[in-house]
Amino acid sequence: MERLSELFLLFTRLGFIGFGGPQAHLALMQDEVQERRGWLTKEEFSDGLAVCNILPGPASTQMVAYIGWVRGGLRGGLVAAFSFIWPAFTMMLVLSWLYFNYGTLAQVNAFFYGLKPIVVAIVVATAWRLAKPALRDTRFLTIMLVTALLMGAQLFNDFLVFLGAALIGLPLYASDEFMLNRVPEKKGRPTSERGLKMGGFWVAFGLVNEQTISLLTNMGDFGRLAQLTWFFIRAGAFIFGGGLVIIPLIQNEVVQGYGWLTQQQFLDGVVLGQATPGPVLITAAFVGYATAGVIGALVATLAIFAPGLTLILLVAPSLKKVKRFPWVRAALKGVNGAVVGSLLAGAYFTALTAFVLPHTSAGGFEMGKGKILDFYTLTLGLIALFLILRYKLNTIYLFLVAGGIGLLLSLLPFRLPGSGLPLIQ
């Protein structure tokens, strides 16, 4: 019971401060779970992260469930996932109510102005910590850099990049792993049994189809909830490469297909999903609220997270068993390099929004092509990176101070030269 309480308190806190998307969430977890508490070794953390990036579903939320499973079994996984999701759900519920009653919420940007550079610092620090033990391994560095370039250029879906890293890791690391000559033990339940359970899950999933659900759509509110449930279960089951990948599909169905939202309303919902801490997929709660109120928000949220969480909780018990196979360890090493590369790419994109601004105000460092470098956020980011690496400062303090700075500066009667700070009128 004590471990479940620890999981609830930790991931509730991370759920409240988890700004910046999946890479930032993973960085926070690595700092809190592996660095500070030692619940997982670096190898266990990296392996779990590798599996979460290959499975369909939101990787950061799946990683939360995986950590919970390691710490407290099935109940631990469920408690951890719930704890991480409920803060974002509650905030989105409040923001959705405000939005549909009072319009847009431009004032929120002031708080997040100070948070973005902190997110960059956390992600960079985590990439350094994960890469440091393998800096002399040219294979690891090659996979890491190639992944960072591919994701930075957005040439391929993230899932394809991770799959490619696993396939490349096979020949690069196979000789090392086979030299260890570890033979799988034949004790306990065979992993094929776990595979049958996974197969049964997907077969049952496939038996429910759009035609079956469509029969319920003419049954008033219940039919609408059934339609909402099916749509978000289907969306959650086919997320490869992070939550943002599924946004275009949701947009097409929600706006053009079902007509639940207008184009502008959906885009505003995505912005609110990015602005709130926790999983990006919490945008589903916004759509659900617009469609069927509070119950709709709850149903949509449960539906979109259910497939990915089910998969990771089915796979987690088998991970240690399958890792006894040399080819599995080799593939995971390839994916581990890609994970660090993805963190670097994530830091790059976050840095673009935190540090680089359109040339719309005087001051700042000229960067060409109508861009300036925001000196204020850059300074905040560098200070935060130093404090994290040198003193291992708890990130909650950084978030509170930086967010407070953003709010206070936004109350000034003038815009700071060379900054993208929004003013609260």
Protein backbone atom coordinates (compact mmCIF):
# COMPACT_ATOMS: atom_id res chain seq x y z
CA MET A 1 0.00 0.00 0.00
CA GLU A 2 2.89 2.33 0.76
CA ARG A 3 4.28 1.88 -2.76
CA LEU A 4 0.90 2.66 -4.31
CA SER A 5 0.74 5.86 -2.24
CA GLU A 6 4.23 6.80 -3.41
CA LEU A 7 3.22 6.23 -7.03
CA PHE A 8 0.05 8.27 -6.63
CA LEU A 9 1.82 11.24 -5.04
CA LEU A 10 4.76 11.27 -7.46
CA PHE A 11 2.81 10.95 -10.69
CA THR A 12 0.12 13.35 -9.54
CA ARG A 13 2.88 15.91 -9.05
CA LEU A 14 4.41 15.10 -12.43
CA GLY A 15 0.94 15.34 -13.94
CA PHE A 16 0.68 18.92 -12.69
CA ILE A 17 4.13 20.04 -13.87
CA GLY A 18 4.46 17.87 -17.00
CA PHE A 19 4.56 20.69 -19.55
CA GLY A 20 6.29 20.40 -22.91
CA GLY A 21 5.09 17.14 -24.44
CA PRO A 22 6.33 13.52 -24.32
CA GLN A 23 10.07 14.24 -24.31
CA ALA A 24 9.69 16.57 -21.35
CA HIS A 25 7.56 14.00 -19.51
CA LEU A 26 10.19 11.31 -20.05
CA ALA A 27 12.89 13.68 -18.87
CA LEU A 28 10.98 14.38 -15.66
CA MET A 29 10.47 10.66 -15.07
CA GLN A 30 14.12 9.87 -15.61
CA ASP A 31 15.11 12.54 -13.10
CA GLU A 32 12.55 11.61 -10.43
CA VAL A 33 12.32 7.82 -10.81
CA GLN A 34 15.82 6.78 -11.82
CA GLU A 35 18.13 9.57 -10.64
CA ARG A 36 16.50 10.59 -7.36
CA ARG A 37 14.64 7.50 -6.16
CA GLY A 38 16.49 4.64 -7.84
CA TRP A 39 13.29 2.69 -8.51
CA LEU A 40 14.71 1.61 -11.87
CA THR A 41 18.28 1.18 -13.06
CA LYS A 42 19.39 3.08 -16.17
CA GLU A 43 19.14 -0.14 -18.15
CA GLU A 44 15.61 -0.86 -16.92
CA PHE A 45 14.51 2.69 -17.65
CA SER A 46 16.01 2.65 -21.15
CA ASP A 47 14.57 -0.78 -21.98
CA GLY A 48 11.11 0.20 -20.80
CA LEU A 49 11.30 3.39 -22.81
CA ALA A 50 12.42 1.47 -25.89
CA VAL A 51 9.42 -0.87 -25.67
CA CYS A 52 6.99 2.02 -25.12
CA ASN A 53 8.29 3.75 -28.23
CA ILE A 54 7.71 0.66 -30.37
CA LEU A 55 4.22 -0.20 -29.09
CA PRO A 56 1.19 1.73 -30.37
CA GLY A 57 -0.03 4.27 -27.87
CA PRO A 58 1.18 7.45 -26.11
CA ALA A 59 4.76 6.57 -25.11
CA SER A 60 5.10 8.84 -22.08
CA THR A 61 1.83 7.65 -20.49
CA GLN A 62 2.77 4.04 -21.23
CA MET A 63 6.13 4.65 -19.56
CA VAL A 64 4.28 5.89 -16.48
CA ALA A 65 2.27 2.65 -16.41
CA TYR A 66 5.44 0.60 -16.93
CA ILE A 67 7.18 2.29 -13.99
CA GLY A 68 4.08 1.70 -11.90
CA TRP A 69 4.08 -1.98 -12.88
CA VAL A 70 7.76 -2.37 -11.93
CA ARG A 71 7.06 -0.72 -8.59
CA GLY A 72 3.69 -2.25 -7.73
CA GLY A 73 2.49 -4.77 -10.29
CA LEU A 74 -0.80 -4.36 -12.16
CA ARG A 75 -2.31 -2.16 -9.46
CA GLY A 76 0.81 -0.01 -9.48
CA GLY A 77 0.58 0.44 -13.24
CA LEU A 78 -3.06 1.48 -13.08
CA VAL A 79 -2.52 3.82 -10.12
CA ALA A 80 0.47 5.48 -11.79
CA ALA A 81 -1.39 6.00 -15.08
CA PHE A 82 -4.47 7.41 -13.34
CA SER A 83 -2.31 9.73 -11.22
CA PHE A 84 -0.52 11.11 -14.27
CA ILE A 85 -3.69 11.68 -16.32
CA TRP A 86 -6.16 13.14 -13.81
CA PRO A 87 -4.47 16.55 -13.31
CA ALA A 88 -4.47 17.23 -17.07
CA PHE A 89 -8.04 15.96 -17.35
CA THR A 90 -9.23 18.24 -14.55
CA MET A 91 -7.48 21.27 -16.04
CA MET A 92 -8.82 20.54 -19.52
CA LEU A 93 -12.32 20.16 -18.11
CA VAL A 94 -12.11 23.60 -16.48
CA LEU A 95 -10.54 25.18 -19.57
CA SER A 96 -13.16 23.59 -21.83
CA TRP A 97 -15.96 25.03 -19.69
CA LEU A 98 -14.33 28.47 -19.75
CA TYR A 99 -13.73 28.24 -23.48
CA PHE A 100 -17.27 27.31 -24.46
CA ASN A 101 -18.72 29.90 -22.08
CA TYR A 102 -16.29 32.82 -22.38
CA GLY A 103 -14.26 32.26 -25.56
CA THR A 104 -10.48 31.95 -26.07
CA LEU A 105 -7.93 32.05 -23.24
CA ALA A 106 -5.01 34.10 -24.58
CA GLN A 107 -3.90 35.00 -21.04
CA VAL A 108 -2.67 31.44 -20.48
CA ASN A 109 0.31 32.13 -22.77
CA ALA A 110 1.94 34.45 -20.23
CA PHE A 111 2.51 31.63 -17.75
CA PHE A 112 3.91 29.29 -20.40
CA TYR A 113 6.35 31.89 -21.70
CA GLY A 114 8.55 31.19 -18.69
CA LEU A 115 8.04 27.41 -18.77
CA LYS A 116 9.23 26.66 -22.31
CA PRO A 117 12.95 27.30 -21.66
CA ILE A 118 12.77 25.10 -18.55
CA VAL A 119 11.36 22.28 -20.67
CA VAL A 120 14.28 22.62 -23.10
CA ALA A 121 16.77 22.47 -20.22
CA ILE A 122 15.16 19.35 -18.72
CA VAL A 123 15.11 17.48 -22.04
CA VAL A 124 18.74 18.35 -22.84
CA ALA A 125 19.86 17.31 -19.34
CA THR A 126 18.07 13.96 -19.68
CA ALA A 127 19.59 13.31 -23.10
CA TRP A 128 23.03 13.95 -21.60
CA ARG A 129 22.43 11.61 -18.65
CA LEU A 130 21.20 8.77 -20.86
CA ALA A 131 23.95 9.22 -23.45
CA LYS A 132 26.87 9.74 -21.05
CA PRO A 133 27.54 6.02 -20.29
CA ALA A 134 27.70 5.22 -24.02
CA LEU A 135 29.66 8.21 -25.36
CA ARG A 136 32.59 5.98 -26.34
CA ASP A 137 30.34 3.64 -28.33
CA THR A 138 30.42 4.85 -31.94
CA ARG A 139 27.45 2.62 -32.81
CA PHE A 140 25.29 4.27 -30.15
CA LEU A 141 26.41 7.76 -31.19
CA THR A 142 25.73 7.03 -34.86
CA ILE A 143 22.18 5.81 -34.21
CA MET A 144 21.58 8.73 -31.84
CA LEU A 145 22.74 11.38 -34.32
CA VAL A 146 20.98 9.85 -37.33
CA THR A 147 17.74 9.64 -35.32
CA ALA A 148 18.07 13.26 -34.21
CA LEU A 149 18.59 14.37 -37.83
CA LEU A 150 15.71 12.30 -39.23
CA MET A 151 13.27 13.42 -36.56
CA GLY A 152 14.52 16.99 -36.73
CA ALA A 153 13.94 17.03 -40.48
CA GLN A 154 10.60 15.22 -40.01
CA LEU A 155 11.35 12.92 -42.92
CA PHE A 156 9.73 9.82 -41.41
CA ASN A 157 7.11 8.87 -38.86
CA ASP A 158 8.73 8.44 -35.43
CA PHE A 159 7.58 4.82 -35.23
CA LEU A 160 9.41 3.98 -38.46
CA VAL A 161 12.58 5.59 -37.10
CA PHE A 162 12.44 3.51 -33.90
CA LEU A 163 11.68 0.35 -35.87
CA GLY A 164 14.64 1.09 -38.14
CA ALA A 165 16.88 1.61 -35.10
CA ALA A 166 15.83 -1.79 -33.75
CA LEU A 167 16.62 -3.48 -37.07
CA ILE A 168 19.98 -1.69 -37.32
CA GLY A 169 20.79 -2.62 -33.73
CA LEU A 170 20.49 -6.33 -34.58
CA PRO A 171 23.66 -6.60 -36.72
CA LEU A 172 25.55 -3.88 -34.82
CA TYR A 173 25.15 -5.39 -31.35
CA ALA A 174 24.35 -9.04 -32.05
CA SER A 175 27.94 -10.24 -31.78
CA ASP A 176 28.34 -8.57 -28.37
CA GLU A 177 25.16 -10.11 -27.03
CA PHE A 178 25.74 -13.61 -28.40
CA MET A 179 29.20 -13.56 -26.81
CA LEU A 180 27.46 -13.32 -23.44
CA ASN A 181 25.92 -16.71 -24.24
CA ARG A 182 22.84 -16.23 -22.11
CA VAL A 183 20.38 -19.04 -22.64
CA PRO A 184 16.70 -18.41 -21.91
CA GLU A 185 15.45 -20.20 -18.83
CA LYS A 186 12.50 -22.53 -19.17
CA LYS A 187 10.87 -21.64 -15.90
CA GLY A 188 7.54 -19.94 -15.37
CA ARG A 189 4.86 -19.28 -17.88
CA PRO A 190 6.03 -19.19 -21.48
CA THR A 191 6.03 -15.81 -23.14
CA SER A 192 3.80 -17.29 -25.84
CA GLU A 193 0.97 -17.31 -23.29
CA ARG A 194 1.38 -13.59 -22.87
CA GLY A 195 1.42 -13.28 -26.65
CA LEU A 196 -1.87 -15.19 -26.86
CA LYS A 197 -3.40 -12.70 -24.43
CA MET A 198 -2.23 -9.84 -26.61
CA GLY A 199 -3.60 -11.57 -29.68
CA GLY A 200 -6.92 -12.10 -27.94
CA PHE A 201 -7.06 -8.41 -27.09
CA TRP A 202 -6.65 -7.39 -30.73
CA VAL A 203 -9.10 -10.03 -31.99
CA ALA A 204 -11.74 -8.81 -29.54
CA PHE A 205 -10.96 -5.27 -30.61
CA GLY A 206 -11.48 -6.20 -34.25
CA LEU A 207 -14.85 -7.84 -33.62
CA VAL A 208 -16.31 -4.47 -32.68
CA ASN A 209 -16.68 -2.49 -35.89
CA GLU A 210 -18.04 0.81 -37.05
CA GLN A 211 -21.28 -0.76 -38.27
CA THR A 212 -21.99 -2.22 -34.82
CA ILE A 213 -21.48 1.13 -33.12
CA SER A 214 -23.43 3.00 -35.80
CA LEU A 215 -26.55 1.05 -34.77
CA LEU A 216 -26.41 2.93 -31.47
CA THR A 217 -26.00 6.42 -32.88
CA ASN A 218 -29.75 6.99 -33.16
CA MET A 219 -30.31 6.23 -29.48
CA GLY A 220 -29.91 9.79 -28.21
CA ASP A 221 -27.23 10.61 -25.66
CA PHE A 222 -26.30 6.96 -25.16
CA GLY A 223 -25.73 6.52 -28.87
CA ARG A 224 -23.53 9.60 -29.01
CA LEU A 225 -21.45 8.33 -26.09
CA ALA A 226 -21.11 4.95 -27.83
CA GLN A 227 -19.95 6.66 -31.01
CA LEU A 228 -17.51 8.81 -29.02
CA THR A 229 -16.16 5.73 -27.22
CA TRP A 230 -15.57 3.74 -30.38
CA PHE A 231 -13.93 6.62 -32.21
CA PHE A 232 -11.38 7.32 -29.46
CA ILE A 233 -10.64 3.64 -28.79
CA ARG A 234 -9.86 3.27 -32.48
CA ALA A 235 -7.71 6.41 -32.44
CA GLY A 236 -5.83 5.32 -29.31
CA ALA A 237 -5.11 1.87 -30.72
CA PHE A 238 -3.27 3.17 -33.77
CA ILE A 239 -0.99 5.85 -32.37
CA PHE A 240 2.50 5.23 -33.69
CA GLY A 241 5.14 7.88 -33.07
CA GLY A 242 3.58 9.97 -30.31
CA GLY A 243 0.25 11.59 -29.54
CA LEU A 244 0.67 14.47 -31.99
CA VAL A 245 0.72 12.01 -34.89
CA ILE A 246 -2.94 11.16 -34.35
CA ILE A 247 -4.14 14.80 -34.28
CA PRO A 248 -4.72 15.05 -38.09
CA LEU A 249 -6.84 11.88 -38.03
CA ILE A 250 -8.89 13.17 -35.10
CA GLN A 251 -9.28 16.53 -36.82
CA ASN A 252 -10.57 14.98 -40.04
CA GLU A 253 -13.15 12.80 -38.26
CA VAL A 254 -14.24 15.28 -35.60
CA VAL A 255 -14.63 18.27 -37.95
CA GLN A 256 -15.49 16.83 -41.36
CA GLY A 257 -16.76 13.37 -40.41
CA TYR A 258 -18.94 13.76 -37.33
CA GLY A 259 -19.26 17.55 -37.28
CA TRP A 260 -18.79 17.69 -33.51
CA LEU A 261 -16.57 20.79 -33.69
CA THR A 262 -15.78 23.59 -36.11
CA GLN A 263 -12.27 23.85 -37.53
CA GLN A 264 -11.40 26.78 -35.25
CA GLN A 265 -12.80 25.07 -32.16
CA PHE A 266 -10.73 21.97 -32.83
CA LEU A 267 -7.53 24.00 -33.33
CA ASP A 268 -8.21 25.87 -30.09
CA GLY A 269 -8.69 22.50 -28.37
CA VAL A 270 -5.29 21.33 -29.63
CA VAL A 271 -3.70 24.53 -28.31
CA LEU A 272 -5.28 23.95 -24.90
CA GLY A 273 -4.02 20.36 -24.98
CA GLN A 274 -0.51 21.66 -25.58
CA ALA A 275 -0.89 24.34 -22.92
CA THR A 276 -1.97 21.99 -20.16
CA PRO A 277 0.52 19.69 -18.44
CA GLY A 278 0.41 15.94 -18.90
CA PRO A 279 -0.41 13.89 -22.01
CA VAL A 280 -1.02 15.70 -25.31
CA LEU A 281 -3.91 13.31 -25.99
CA ILE A 282 -5.92 15.08 -23.30
CA THR A 283 -7.32 17.05 -26.25
CA ALA A 284 -9.77 14.14 -26.40
CA ALA A 285 -11.39 15.51 -23.23
CA PHE A 286 -12.01 18.82 -25.01
CA VAL A 287 -13.72 17.03 -27.91
CA GLY A 288 -15.70 14.87 -25.50
CA TYR A 289 -16.85 17.90 -23.52
CA ALA A 290 -17.98 19.68 -26.67
CA THR A 291 -19.90 16.58 -27.74
CA ALA A 292 -21.51 15.32 -24.53
CA GLY A 293 -20.46 17.49 -21.59
CA VAL A 294 -18.55 16.20 -18.57
CA ILE A 295 -19.55 12.57 -19.19
CA GLY A 296 -18.36 12.88 -22.78
CA ALA A 297 -15.01 14.26 -21.63
CA LEU A 298 -14.56 11.34 -19.23
CA VAL A 299 -15.57 8.73 -21.82
CA ALA A 300 -13.30 10.17 -24.52
CA THR A 301 -10.32 10.30 -22.14
CA LEU A 302 -10.76 6.72 -20.94
CA ALA A 303 -11.25 5.47 -24.49
CA ILE A 304 -8.17 7.05 -26.06
CA PHE A 305 -5.79 5.87 -23.31
CA ALA A 306 -7.23 2.37 -22.81
CA PRO A 307 -5.60 0.53 -25.77
CA GLY A 308 -2.05 1.76 -25.17
CA LEU A 309 -2.19 1.15 -21.42
CA THR A 310 -3.64 -2.32 -21.95
CA LEU A 311 -0.78 -3.20 -24.29
CA ILE A 312 2.06 -2.03 -22.05
CA LEU A 313 0.58 -3.78 -19.00
CA LEU A 314 0.35 -7.00 -21.02
CA VAL A 315 3.90 -6.67 -22.36
CA ALA A 316 5.65 -5.50 -19.15
CA PRO A 317 5.65 -8.90 -17.38
CA SER A 318 7.31 -10.52 -20.41
CA LEU A 319 10.07 -7.96 -20.91
CA LYS A 320 12.62 -9.57 -18.59
CA LYS A 321 11.93 -12.98 -20.13
CA VAL A 322 12.37 -11.93 -23.74
CA LYS A 323 15.47 -9.92 -22.83
CA ARG A 324 17.26 -13.22 -22.26
CA PHE A 325 17.37 -13.59 -26.03
CA PRO A 326 20.52 -11.96 -27.46
CA TRP A 327 18.73 -10.63 -30.55
CA VAL A 328 16.17 -8.84 -28.35
CA ARG A 329 18.91 -7.16 -26.32
CA ALA A 330 20.67 -6.12 -29.52
CA ALA A 331 17.48 -4.58 -30.93
CA LEU A 332 16.79 -2.75 -27.67
CA LYS A 333 20.29 -1.25 -27.70
CA GLY A 334 19.57 0.14 -31.13
CA VAL A 335 16.30 1.65 -29.93
CA ASN A 336 18.03 3.09 -26.84
CA GLY A 337 20.28 5.13 -29.11
CA ALA A 338 17.22 6.32 -31.02
CA VAL A 339 15.51 7.34 -27.78
CA VAL A 340 18.33 9.76 -26.94
CA GLY A 341 18.23 11.06 -30.51
CA SER A 342 14.49 11.66 -30.20
CA LEU A 343 15.11 13.67 -27.02
CA LEU A 344 17.58 15.87 -28.90
CA ALA A 345 15.07 16.39 -31.71
CA GLY A 346 12.37 17.22 -29.15
CA ALA A 347 14.68 19.74 -27.49
CA TYR A 348 15.32 21.32 -30.91
CA PHE A 349 11.63 21.83 -31.69
CA THR A 350 10.88 23.12 -28.19
CA ALA A 351 13.84 25.49 -28.45
CA LEU A 352 12.43 26.91 -31.69
CA THR A 353 9.25 27.95 -29.89
CA ALA A 354 11.04 29.06 -26.71
CA PHE A 355 14.02 30.96 -28.10
CA VAL A 356 13.30 31.91 -31.73
CA LEU A 357 10.62 34.48 -32.53
CA PRO A 358 9.34 36.36 -35.57
CA HIS A 359 11.07 39.72 -35.93
CA THR A 360 8.08 41.75 -34.71
CA SER A 361 9.75 43.87 -32.03
CA ALA A 362 12.94 45.79 -31.51
CA GLY A 363 15.90 44.26 -29.76
CA GLY A 364 17.04 40.66 -29.57
CA PHE A 365 19.78 38.94 -31.54
CA GLU A 366 19.29 38.99 -35.33
CA MET A 367 19.11 35.51 -36.87
CA GLY A 368 18.15 36.35 -40.44
CA LYS A 369 14.96 35.55 -42.36
CA GLY A 370 12.92 37.82 -40.11
CA LYS A 371 13.81 35.95 -36.90
CA ILE A 372 15.23 37.08 -33.58
CA LEU A 373 16.65 35.20 -30.61
CA ASP A 374 14.78 35.84 -27.37
CA PHE A 375 17.53 36.76 -24.91
CA TYR A 376 15.28 36.41 -21.84
CA THR A 377 14.12 32.84 -22.42
CA LEU A 378 17.60 31.81 -23.57
CA THR A 379 19.05 33.09 -20.30
CA LEU A 380 16.37 31.26 -18.30
CA GLY A 381 17.08 28.03 -20.19
CA LEU A 382 20.85 28.18 -19.67
CA ILE A 383 20.49 28.94 -15.96
CA ALA A 384 18.03 26.06 -15.57
CA LEU A 385 20.35 23.65 -17.42
CA PHE A 386 23.25 24.61 -15.14
CA LEU A 387 21.17 24.16 -11.97
CA ILE A 388 19.86 20.76 -13.10
CA LEU A 389 23.24 19.33 -14.10
CA ARG A 390 25.34 20.91 -11.37
CA TYR A 391 23.02 20.85 -8.35
CA LYS A 392 20.26 18.42 -9.47
CA LEU A 393 17.71 21.04 -8.47
CA ASN A 394 14.17 19.73 -8.19
CA THR A 395 12.31 20.70 -11.35
CA ILE A 396 9.15 21.74 -9.48
CA TYR A 397 10.98 24.82 -8.18
CA LEU A 398 12.18 25.70 -11.67
CA PHE A 399 8.66 25.46 -13.07
CA LEU A 400 7.13 27.57 -10.31
CA VAL A 401 9.79 30.29 -10.49
CA ALA A 402 9.89 30.45 -14.30
CA GLY A 403 6.10 30.45 -14.64
CA GLY A 404 5.88 33.16 -12.00
CA ILE A 405 8.45 35.26 -13.86
CA GLY A 406 6.40 34.96 -17.03
CA LEU A 407 3.23 36.09 -15.24
CA LEU A 408 4.90 39.01 -13.46
CA LEU A 409 6.62 40.31 -16.59
CA SER A 410 3.37 40.09 -18.53
CA LEU A 411 1.80 42.55 -16.08
CA LEU A 412 4.27 45.27 -17.10
CA PRO A 413 2.63 48.13 -19.03
CA PHE A 414 5.10 47.66 -21.90
CA ARG A 415 6.57 44.78 -23.88
CA LEU A 416 10.19 43.89 -23.12
CA PRO A 417 12.40 44.66 -26.15
CA GLY A 418 13.29 41.55 -28.14
CA SER A 419 10.94 39.20 -26.31
CA GLY A 420 7.89 37.18 -27.29
CA LEU A 421 6.24 37.81 -23.93
CA PRO A 422 2.46 38.24 -24.29
CA LEU A 423 0.96 41.10 -22.30
CA ILE A 424 -2.19 40.66 -20.21
CA GLN A 425 -4.40 43.55 -21.16
